[in-house]
Protein backbone atom coordinates (compact mmCIF):
# COMPACT_ATOMS: atom_id res chain seq x y z
CA MET A 1 -1.47 34.13 -5.01
CA ASN A 2 -0.96 30.47 -5.95
CA LEU A 3 -3.68 28.31 -4.35
CA GLY A 4 -2.13 25.23 -5.96
CA ILE A 5 0.88 25.09 -3.64
CA SER A 6 1.33 22.07 -1.39
CA ALA A 7 0.32 22.12 2.25
CA THR A 8 3.99 21.81 3.19
CA GLU A 9 4.86 24.89 1.12
CA PHE A 10 1.98 26.83 2.67
CA VAL A 11 3.11 26.00 6.21
CA SER A 12 6.67 27.11 5.42
CA GLN A 13 5.53 30.42 3.86
CA ALA A 14 2.97 31.18 6.57
CA LYS A 15 5.54 30.46 9.27
CA ASP A 16 8.10 32.92 7.88
CA GLY A 17 5.46 35.54 7.04
CA THR A 18 5.84 35.32 3.27
CA ILE A 19 2.07 34.93 2.94
CA SER A 20 -0.80 36.16 5.07
CA VAL A 21 -3.05 33.40 6.39
CA GLU A 22 -6.08 35.69 6.17
CA GLU A 23 -5.33 36.56 2.55
CA PHE A 24 -4.78 32.92 1.60
CA VAL A 25 -8.01 31.81 3.29
CA ALA A 26 -9.94 34.69 1.69
CA LYS A 27 -8.58 33.72 -1.75
CA THR A 28 -9.52 30.10 -1.06
CA LEU A 29 -13.08 31.13 -0.17
CA ASP A 30 -13.19 33.19 -3.38
CA ARG A 31 -12.08 30.12 -5.31
CA ILE A 32 -14.83 28.05 -3.67
CA SER A 33 -17.46 30.61 -4.66
CA GLN A 34 -16.17 30.57 -8.24
CA VAL A 35 -16.05 26.81 -8.85
CA GLU A 36 -18.65 25.28 -6.51
CA SER A 37 -21.46 25.62 -9.05
CA LYS A 38 -19.38 23.43 -11.38
CA VAL A 39 -18.06 20.75 -9.01
CA HIS A 40 -20.21 20.78 -5.81
CA ALA A 41 -17.42 19.63 -3.49
CA PHE A 42 -19.01 21.04 -0.32
CA ILE A 43 -22.26 20.60 1.55
CA SER A 44 -21.47 23.61 3.77
CA VAL A 45 -18.70 26.24 3.90
CA ASP A 46 -17.74 28.11 7.08
CA ASN A 47 -16.87 31.51 5.58
CA THR A 48 -17.23 33.52 8.80
CA GLY A 49 -15.49 31.03 11.08
CA ALA A 50 -12.61 30.42 8.67
CA LEU A 51 -11.82 34.12 8.22
CA ALA A 52 -12.06 34.83 11.95
CA LYS A 53 -9.66 31.99 12.71
CA ALA A 54 -7.27 33.16 9.97
CA LYS A 55 -7.11 36.67 11.49
CA GLU A 56 -6.43 35.16 14.91
CA ILE A 57 -3.56 33.04 13.56
CA ASP A 58 -2.00 35.99 11.70
CA LYS A 59 -1.98 37.94 14.98
CA LYS A 60 -0.23 35.06 16.75
CA ILE A 61 2.40 34.79 14.02
CA LYS A 62 3.12 38.55 14.05
CA ALA A 63 3.31 38.59 17.85
CA LYS A 64 5.65 35.57 17.68
CA GLU A 65 3.34 33.64 19.97
CA LYS A 66 3.28 29.86 19.91
CA THR A 67 1.37 28.74 16.81
CA GLY A 68 0.25 25.26 15.81
CA ILE A 69 2.37 23.56 13.14
CA LEU A 70 -0.32 23.89 10.46
CA PHE A 71 -0.35 27.72 10.67
CA GLY A 72 -3.93 28.19 9.45
CA MET A 73 -3.88 25.60 6.68
CA PRO A 74 -7.41 25.39 5.15
CA ILE A 75 -8.70 21.82 5.25
CA ALA A 76 -11.99 20.25 4.13
CA ILE A 77 -13.70 17.59 6.24
CA LYS A 78 -15.93 14.83 4.92
CA ASP A 79 -19.42 15.47 6.23
CA ASN A 80 -19.60 12.24 8.21
CA ILE A 81 -16.93 13.42 10.68
CA CYS A 82 -18.34 15.36 13.63
CA THR A 83 -17.28 19.00 13.84
CA ALA A 84 -18.56 21.08 16.77
CA GLY A 85 -20.90 23.88 15.78
CA LEU A 86 -21.10 22.82 12.13
CA LYS A 87 -23.63 20.58 10.44
CA THR A 88 -22.71 16.92 10.05
CA THR A 89 -25.29 15.63 7.57
CA CYS A 90 -23.74 12.44 6.17
CA ALA A 91 -25.28 13.74 2.89
CA SER A 92 -28.65 12.40 4.09
CA LYS A 93 -32.08 13.95 4.57
CA ILE A 94 -32.18 12.05 7.87
CA LEU A 95 -29.44 14.34 9.28
CA GLU A 96 -29.86 17.42 7.09
CA ASN A 97 -30.01 19.79 10.10
CA PHE A 98 -27.89 17.89 12.62
CA VAL A 99 -25.23 20.07 14.26
CA SER A 100 -22.59 18.10 16.11
CA PRO A 101 -22.17 19.04 19.79
CA TYR A 102 -18.55 17.87 19.85
CA ASP A 103 -15.42 17.45 17.72
CA ALA A 104 -14.20 14.10 16.47
CA THR A 105 -10.72 13.31 17.79
CA VAL A 106 -9.15 13.97 14.38
CA ILE A 107 -10.81 17.40 14.33
CA SER A 108 -9.68 18.38 17.82
CA ARG A 109 -6.12 17.32 16.91
CA LEU A 110 -6.17 19.40 13.72
CA LYS A 111 -7.59 22.41 15.57
CA SER A 112 -4.92 22.07 18.27
CA GLN A 113 -2.34 22.64 15.51
CA ASP A 114 -4.21 25.65 14.07
CA ALA A 115 -5.76 24.03 11.03
CA ILE A 116 -8.75 25.92 9.65
CA ILE A 117 -11.85 23.86 8.89
CA ILE A 118 -13.03 25.57 5.73
CA GLY A 119 -16.10 23.41 5.15
CA LYS A 120 -17.79 20.02 5.17
CA ALA A 121 -17.32 18.00 1.99
CA ASN A 122 -19.94 16.10 0.00
CA LEU A 123 -20.15 12.29 0.03
CA ASP A 124 -22.34 9.37 -0.86
CA GLU A 125 -25.10 9.15 1.74
CA PHE A 126 -23.69 7.65 4.95
CA ALA A 127 -20.50 6.91 2.94
CA MET A 128 -22.27 4.18 0.96
CA GLY A 129 -21.21 4.49 -2.67
CA SER A 130 -18.29 4.75 -5.06
CA THR A 131 -19.16 7.87 -7.06
CA THR A 132 -20.70 10.54 -4.75
CA GLU A 133 -23.87 10.31 -6.84
CA HIS A 134 -25.80 8.99 -3.81
CA SER A 135 -25.85 12.33 -1.96
CA TYR A 136 -29.14 13.86 -0.85
CA PHE A 137 -27.61 17.23 -1.80
CA GLY A 138 -26.68 16.21 -5.35
CA PRO A 139 -23.55 14.69 -6.89
CA SER A 140 -20.04 16.09 -6.84
CA LYS A 141 -18.36 16.37 -10.23
CA ASN A 142 -14.86 15.55 -11.40
CA PRO A 143 -12.83 18.77 -11.87
CA TRP A 144 -10.91 17.17 -14.76
CA ASN A 145 -14.19 16.80 -16.65
CA THR A 146 -17.42 17.76 -14.90
CA ASP A 147 -19.44 15.24 -16.92
CA TYR A 148 -17.63 12.48 -15.02
CA VAL A 149 -17.83 11.09 -11.48
CA PRO A 150 -15.09 12.02 -8.99
CA GLY A 151 -15.14 8.63 -7.24
CA GLY A 152 -16.53 8.06 -3.78
CA SER A 153 -17.65 7.94 -1.19
CA SER A 154 -15.23 10.75 -0.19
CA GLY A 155 -15.77 12.43 -3.56
CA GLY A 156 -16.20 15.94 -2.18
CA SER A 157 -12.95 15.62 -0.22
CA GLY A 158 -11.07 14.59 -3.35
CA VAL A 159 -12.67 17.27 -5.53
CA ALA A 160 -11.94 20.03 -3.00
CA VAL A 161 -8.19 19.27 -3.01
CA SER A 162 -8.02 18.75 -6.77
CA ALA A 163 -9.99 21.93 -7.57
CA LYS A 164 -7.79 24.06 -5.25
CA GLU A 165 -10.59 24.70 -2.76
CA CYS A 166 -8.39 23.61 0.16
CA LEU A 167 -4.86 22.33 0.78
CA ALA A 168 -5.82 18.99 2.29
CA SER A 169 -8.91 17.09 3.34
CA LEU A 170 -10.09 14.22 5.46
CA GLY A 171 -12.22 11.39 4.13
CA SER A 172 -13.19 7.99 5.43
CA ASP A 173 -12.23 4.75 3.70
CA THR A 174 -14.44 1.69 4.14
CA GLY A 175 -13.81 -0.04 0.81
CA GLY A 176 -11.67 2.45 -1.08
CA SER A 177 -13.60 5.63 -0.31
CA VAL A 178 -10.43 7.75 0.04
CA ARG A 179 -8.35 6.05 -2.66
CA SER A 180 -11.09 5.96 -5.33
CA PRO A 181 -11.59 9.76 -5.45
CA ALA A 182 -7.84 10.27 -5.01
CA SER A 183 -7.28 8.24 -8.19
CA PHE A 184 -10.18 9.75 -10.16
CA CYS A 185 -9.29 13.35 -9.14
CA SER A 186 -5.48 13.03 -9.38
CA VAL A 187 -4.59 13.65 -5.73
CA VAL A 188 -2.89 11.53 -3.07
CA GLY A 189 -5.08 9.54 -0.67
CA LEU A 190 -4.12 7.25 2.20
CA LYS A 191 -6.12 4.47 3.82
CA PRO A 192 -4.16 3.89 7.06
CA THR A 193 -3.76 0.70 9.07
CA TYR A 194 -6.88 -0.13 11.07
CA GLY A 195 -6.23 1.27 14.54
CA LEU A 196 -3.72 3.96 13.56
CA ILE A 197 -6.26 6.83 13.52
CA SER A 198 -9.15 7.33 15.93
CA ARG A 199 -12.67 6.77 14.63
CA TYR A 200 -14.21 8.64 17.57
CA GLY A 201 -16.62 11.12 16.02
CA LEU A 202 -16.77 9.36 12.65
CA VAL A 203 -20.41 8.46 11.99
CA SER A 204 -20.34 4.67 11.87
CA TYR A 205 -20.98 2.70 8.69
CA SER A 206 -18.90 -0.47 9.07
CA ASN A 207 -16.95 -0.36 12.33
CA SER A 208 -14.56 -3.25 11.71
CA ILE A 209 -13.42 -1.95 8.32
CA GLU A 210 -13.60 1.86 8.11
CA GLN A 211 -10.79 4.32 8.83
CA VAL A 212 -10.36 8.08 8.57
CA GLY A 213 -7.77 8.95 5.92
CA PRO A 214 -6.06 12.14 4.66
CA MET A 215 -6.05 13.46 1.08
CA ALA A 216 -3.64 16.06 -0.29
CA ARG A 217 -1.65 17.09 -3.37
CA THR A 218 1.63 15.47 -2.34
CA VAL A 219 2.81 12.45 -0.38
CA GLU A 220 4.75 14.77 1.96
CA ASP A 221 1.50 16.60 2.76
CA ILE A 222 -0.08 13.25 3.71
CA GLY A 223 2.78 12.69 6.16
CA LEU A 224 2.29 16.18 7.60
CA VAL A 225 -1.40 15.54 8.34
CA LEU A 226 -0.78 11.97 9.48
CA ASN A 227 1.71 13.19 12.10
CA ILE A 228 -1.14 15.13 13.73
CA ILE A 229 -4.18 12.85 13.45
CA SER A 230 -2.60 9.44 14.13
CA GLY A 231 -2.04 7.84 17.51
CA HIS A 232 -3.83 6.26 20.45
CA ASP A 233 -7.12 7.75 21.60
CA PRO A 234 -8.75 6.76 24.92
CA HIS A 235 -12.14 7.45 23.29
CA ASP A 236 -11.52 4.67 20.72
CA ASP A 237 -10.45 1.28 22.00
CA THR A 238 -9.57 0.11 18.48
CA THR A 239 -6.63 2.54 18.33
CA VAL A 240 -3.24 1.01 19.00
CA ASN A 241 -0.85 2.58 21.52
CA ASN A 242 2.32 2.45 19.42
CA PRO A 243 5.28 4.83 19.88
CA PRO A 244 4.83 8.05 17.85
CA VAL A 245 6.30 8.11 14.35
CA ASP A 246 7.44 11.11 12.27
CA TYR A 247 6.06 10.28 8.83
CA VAL A 248 7.76 13.22 7.09
CA LYS A 249 11.28 12.55 8.39
CA ASP A 250 13.38 10.50 5.92
CA ILE A 251 10.53 10.50 3.38
CA LYS A 252 13.14 10.87 0.59
CA THR A 253 14.91 7.62 1.54
CA GLY A 254 13.96 5.95 -1.74
CA ILE A 255 13.21 2.31 -2.58
CA SER A 256 16.51 0.98 -3.85
CA GLY A 257 16.82 -2.67 -2.89
CA LYS A 258 13.14 -3.03 -1.95
CA LYS A 259 10.96 -5.84 -3.32
CA ILE A 260 7.55 -4.99 -4.74
CA GLY A 261 4.90 -7.61 -5.48
CA ILE A 262 2.70 -7.08 -8.55
CA ILE A 263 -0.77 -8.39 -7.63
CA SER A 264 -1.71 -10.54 -10.63
CA GLN A 265 -5.45 -10.54 -9.85
CA MET A 266 -5.58 -6.72 -9.97
CA ILE A 267 -4.02 -6.00 -13.37
CA GLY A 268 -5.47 -8.66 -15.65
CA GLN A 269 -9.00 -9.34 -16.79
CA GLY A 270 -11.44 -6.44 -16.52
CA VAL A 271 -8.76 -3.73 -16.29
CA ASP A 272 -8.96 -0.88 -18.79
CA LYS A 273 -6.15 -1.08 -21.37
CA GLN A 274 -4.87 2.42 -20.57
CA VAL A 275 -4.85 1.61 -16.86
CA GLU A 276 -2.98 -1.64 -17.51
CA SER A 277 -0.38 0.14 -19.66
CA ALA A 278 0.07 2.85 -17.04
CA THR A 279 0.62 0.19 -14.37
CA LYS A 280 3.37 -1.42 -16.44
CA ARG A 281 5.05 1.97 -16.84
CA ALA A 282 4.81 2.57 -13.08
CA ILE A 283 6.46 -0.79 -12.42
CA SER A 284 9.20 0.08 -14.90
CA LYS A 285 9.83 3.41 -13.13
CA LEU A 286 10.04 1.73 -9.74
CA GLU A 287 12.54 -0.75 -11.15
CA SER A 288 14.60 2.14 -12.54
CA LEU A 289 14.78 3.46 -8.95
CA GLY A 290 16.36 0.21 -7.80
CA ALA A 291 13.32 -1.80 -6.72
CA GLN A 292 12.81 -5.42 -7.69
CA CYS A 293 9.27 -6.16 -8.92
CA ILE A 294 7.93 -9.71 -8.94
CA PRO A 295 4.47 -11.22 -9.61
CA ILE A 296 2.40 -12.16 -6.54
CA SER A 297 -0.82 -14.17 -6.58
CA LEU A 298 -3.58 -13.61 -4.00
CA ASP A 299 -6.23 -16.17 -4.94
CA ALA A 300 -8.71 -15.09 -2.25
CA ILE A 301 -9.21 -11.75 -3.99
CA GLN A 302 -11.72 -13.38 -6.35
CA HIS A 303 -14.10 -13.64 -3.37
CA SER A 304 -13.28 -10.22 -1.87
CA VAL A 305 -16.15 -8.16 -3.36
CA ALA A 306 -18.80 -10.61 -2.13
CA ALA A 307 -17.15 -10.85 1.30
CA TYR A 308 -16.78 -7.09 1.63
CA TYR A 309 -20.36 -6.20 0.75
CA THR A 310 -21.68 -8.94 3.03
CA ILE A 311 -19.69 -7.74 6.06
CA ALA A 312 -20.10 -4.01 5.40
CA SER A 313 -23.85 -4.29 4.77
CA ALA A 314 -24.34 -6.39 7.90
CA GLU A 315 -22.60 -3.77 10.05
CA ALA A 316 -24.44 -0.93 8.28
CA SER A 317 -27.85 -2.46 8.97
CA SER A 318 -26.98 -2.52 12.67
CA ASN A 319 -25.44 0.97 12.77
CA LEU A 320 -28.26 2.69 10.92
CA ALA A 321 -30.96 1.19 13.16
CA ARG A 322 -30.50 4.21 15.47
CA TYR A 323 -31.96 6.70 12.98
CA ASP A 324 -35.59 6.97 14.05
CA ASN A 325 -35.87 10.81 13.88
CA LEU A 326 -36.73 11.02 17.59
CA ARG A 327 -33.35 11.92 19.11
CA TYR A 328 -32.15 13.88 16.08
CA GLY A 329 -33.32 14.26 12.51
CA PHE A 330 -35.31 16.40 10.14
CA ASP A 331 -38.52 18.35 10.75
CA PHE A 332 -41.31 15.78 10.65
CA GLY A 333 -44.08 15.81 13.27
CA THR A 334 -45.23 12.73 15.15
CA GLU A 335 -48.92 13.67 15.16
CA GLY A 336 -51.17 10.97 13.70
CA TYR A 337 -48.59 8.16 13.83
CA GLU A 338 -48.11 5.24 16.17
CA PHE A 339 -44.46 4.46 16.93
CA LYS A 340 -43.66 1.79 14.33
CA ALA A 341 -45.52 3.58 11.54
CA TYR A 342 -43.68 6.81 12.34
CA VAL A 343 -40.24 5.18 12.29
CA ALA A 344 -41.08 3.32 9.06
CA LYS A 345 -42.20 6.56 7.39
CA VAL A 346 -39.06 8.40 8.51
CA ARG A 347 -36.74 5.63 7.38
CA SER A 348 -38.33 5.66 3.92
CA ASN A 349 -36.31 8.86 3.46
CA PHE A 350 -33.05 6.93 3.24
CA GLY A 351 -31.71 6.96 -0.31
CA PRO A 352 -31.89 3.84 -2.53
CA GLU A 353 -28.28 2.75 -1.98
CA VAL A 354 -28.48 3.01 1.82
CA THR A 355 -31.79 1.13 1.76
CA ARG A 356 -30.31 -1.58 -0.45
CA ARG A 357 -27.37 -2.16 1.89
CA MET A 358 -29.50 -2.17 5.04
CA LEU A 359 -31.83 -4.77 3.52
CA LEU A 360 -28.89 -6.87 2.35
CA GLY A 361 -27.30 -6.62 5.80
CA ALA A 362 -30.48 -7.63 7.59
CA PHE A 363 -30.83 -10.58 5.24
CA VAL A 364 -27.30 -11.99 5.71
CA LEU A 365 -27.65 -11.72 9.49
CA SER A 366 -31.08 -13.36 9.62
CA ALA A 367 -31.73 -16.80 11.05
CA GLY A 368 -30.80 -19.53 8.58
CA TYR A 369 -28.50 -17.31 6.50
CA TYR A 370 -25.88 -16.18 9.03
CA GLY A 371 -23.64 -19.20 8.45
CA LYS A 372 -24.30 -19.30 4.72
CA TYR A 373 -23.26 -15.70 4.08
CA TYR A 374 -21.87 -13.66 6.98
CA LEU A 375 -19.75 -16.40 8.54
CA LYS A 376 -18.43 -17.43 5.14
CA ALA A 377 -17.50 -13.80 4.39
CA GLN A 378 -15.52 -13.64 7.63
CA LYS A 379 -13.64 -16.78 6.59
CA VAL A 380 -12.75 -15.15 3.26
CA ARG A 381 -11.54 -12.12 5.19
CA ALA A 382 -9.26 -14.32 7.30
CA MET A 383 -8.00 -16.07 4.17
CA ILE A 384 -7.12 -12.75 2.50
CA LYS A 385 -5.20 -11.64 5.61
CA SER A 386 -3.33 -14.96 5.72
CA GLN A 387 -2.32 -14.67 2.06
CA LEU A 388 -1.15 -11.09 2.58
CA ASP A 389 0.90 -12.08 5.63
CA HIS A 390 2.59 -14.71 3.45
CA ALA A 391 3.16 -12.18 0.64
CA PHE A 392 4.81 -9.67 2.96
CA LYS A 393 7.36 -12.32 3.96
CA GLN A 394 8.52 -12.20 0.32
CA VAL A 395 8.14 -8.50 -0.54
CA ASP A 396 8.18 -5.07 1.11
CA PHE A 397 5.26 -3.60 -0.85
CA LEU A 398 2.49 -4.57 -3.23
CA ILE A 399 1.34 -2.60 -6.27
CA SER A 400 -1.79 -2.38 -8.39
CA PRO A 401 -3.77 0.29 -10.21
CA THR A 402 -6.00 2.02 -7.66
CA MET A 403 -9.09 1.68 -9.86
CA PRO A 404 -9.37 -0.91 -12.64
CA ILE A 405 -11.15 1.56 -14.91
CA LEU A 406 -11.05 5.23 -15.86
CA PRO A 407 -13.56 7.68 -14.37
CA PHE A 408 -16.95 7.21 -16.03
CA LYS A 409 -19.82 9.57 -16.80
CA ILE A 410 -22.28 10.63 -14.11
CA GLY A 411 -25.32 8.35 -14.32
CA GLU A 412 -23.54 5.69 -16.38
CA LYS A 413 -23.51 2.95 -13.72
CA ILE A 414 -25.94 4.19 -11.09
CA ASP A 415 -28.71 1.79 -12.20
CA ASP A 416 -26.42 -1.25 -12.12
CA PRO A 417 -25.26 -1.74 -8.49
CA LEU A 418 -23.37 -4.97 -9.22
CA LYS A 419 -21.28 -3.33 -11.93
CA MET A 420 -20.61 -0.45 -9.55
CA TYR A 421 -19.57 -2.79 -6.73
CA LEU A 422 -17.08 -4.55 -8.98
CA THR A 423 -15.14 -1.30 -9.46
CA ASP A 424 -14.01 -1.69 -5.81
CA ILE A 425 -12.11 -4.92 -6.54
CA ASN A 426 -8.64 -3.34 -6.16
CA THR A 427 -9.29 -1.28 -3.04
CA ILE A 428 -11.32 -3.47 -0.67
CA THR A 429 -8.45 -5.89 0.05
CA ALA A 430 -6.75 -3.27 2.25
CA ASN A 431 -9.95 -2.75 4.24
CA LEU A 432 -10.75 -6.42 4.77
CA SER A 433 -7.18 -7.08 5.95
CA GLY A 434 -6.63 -3.81 7.84
CA ILE A 435 -3.35 -2.99 6.05
CA PRO A 436 -2.42 0.50 4.78
CA ALA A 437 -2.68 1.50 1.11
CA ILE A 438 -2.03 4.75 -0.73
CA SER A 439 -3.12 6.06 -4.12
CA VAL A 440 -0.62 8.24 -6.00
CA PRO A 441 -1.49 10.23 -9.16
CA PHE A 442 0.42 8.73 -12.06
CA GLU A 443 -0.93 9.60 -15.51
CA ILE A 444 -3.66 11.40 -17.44
CA SER A 445 -5.42 9.25 -20.04
CA THR A 446 -5.89 10.20 -23.69
CA GLU A 447 -9.39 11.37 -22.70
CA GLY A 448 -7.91 13.74 -20.11
CA LEU A 449 -8.93 11.59 -17.12
CA PRO A 450 -6.63 10.72 -14.18
CA ILE A 451 -5.08 7.31 -13.46
CA GLY A 452 -3.75 6.52 -9.97
CA MET A 453 -1.36 3.82 -8.74
CA GLN A 454 -1.89 2.00 -5.45
CA LEU A 455 0.84 0.79 -3.12
CA PHE A 456 0.22 -1.47 -0.10
CA ALA A 457 2.44 -2.14 2.92
CA ASN A 458 2.18 -4.38 5.95
CA SER A 459 0.30 -3.20 9.04
CA PHE A 460 1.66 -0.02 10.71
CA GLU A 461 4.35 0.41 8.05
CA GLU A 462 3.00 3.76 6.85
CA LYS A 463 6.45 5.35 7.11
CA LYS A 464 7.90 2.88 4.60
CA LEU A 465 4.77 3.17 2.47
CA LEU A 466 5.08 6.97 2.26
CA GLN A 467 8.75 6.61 1.32
CA ALA A 468 7.82 4.31 -1.58
CA ALA A 469 4.92 6.56 -2.64
CA TYR A 470 7.18 9.62 -2.51
CA ALA A 471 9.73 7.87 -4.74
CA LEU A 472 7.04 7.02 -7.29
CA GLN A 473 5.61 10.55 -7.15
CA GLN A 474 9.03 12.03 -7.99
CA THR A 475 9.01 10.21 -11.36
CA VAL A 476 5.77 11.90 -12.43
CA THR A 477 5.00 15.34 -13.87
CA LEU A 478 1.30 15.97 -14.38
CA PRO A 479 -0.60 18.91 -15.89
CA GLU A 480 -2.66 21.36 -13.84
CA VAL A 481 -6.33 20.60 -13.33
CA PRO A 482 -8.14 22.30 -16.25
CA LEU A 483 -10.95 23.77 -14.12
């Protein structure tokens, strides 16, 4: 049985009875048991629940009862998205035994269409990181070379899809956390428009920036999942009540006659030579499909990293203030402590990256520094959005490499936070502005490491964006993951 098929192919075969859902899920669980010691994509796996659900769906299919459109598709969920009855740890000691009492909206929508939640995927603690090295449960590893990072913070979600441990996954993207692992693991990852997908049940890191995003092997699979999880949610006032869109319909439209802007600031200085060359080849392929590619300058991008980490850290310091170990947390008695000493002791269990960002956030919000840092960062954010609005009057899409560098070895940058933060330069623009962006696998480097291309569209133009991404994907033939 081929576990490397696309989600779309699985749905088609399960629907017509060509494959048994139970058998496919069982084989997937076997695959997880075989490769997890090498890649560590999951924090927890729901073996019993997944098999029971698969049997139930097979019975419905055989009885020709109404079945959800995902027909038992196994999907991995980043472990900062609440899933009823399963642990939601955020890869932190603080929540190592927390079991969510409810489903996030995206989870309830997936379950309503008979998706099978196969497990909760590893991440950087509280989604703060770019490599998945900052997990209390240990790092995930890149299936293309397990000495290398898989990207982050949704590293486990990217690894699980790439290593054939599921057909699709959900991550969250605050500064590139879906697109970074998508690029490093050679899968497709979408950061949607802010407000397209409900954040209800996503453990908050930076409310004004983060979005839940799907990851899968093909662009069409992204559309399939997006059809289910997108849309207005009364539990989340940031969701927009737009008319429903079918993101799979007309996905093969192509990009002939479309204009694509090449973001000058994202393919010049500091970009790995192989990544730069791959980007030029991607542009050439898009032009061969009938697109017109022109240079576009976004000057404000030079300030984007500083603005992003100022805003995100400020919101994180506020969001993480709730973790005092009294309402939920790990086993640590209160005996012998007064209140402030107890909370201080508990919060010393945050990892170094989470601590760093909380301290930075508290600093930029403090009296005397609010205007100097936080307010200035918000002005940069507005400037970036203004420049993008102007750009999209000239072009339909923008293009850049997803990541400016190739995947690097585990431990290589962990002691240099500034160098690590700079790797986000190409992804954070979409988060600060709220626009959608997608990473598409494009090449494998001479070292055997993946390179992804990133396409941007204007707000709520995901349908057009998936059409462009699909066109680019059709020009590429990549090898199987060597794991």
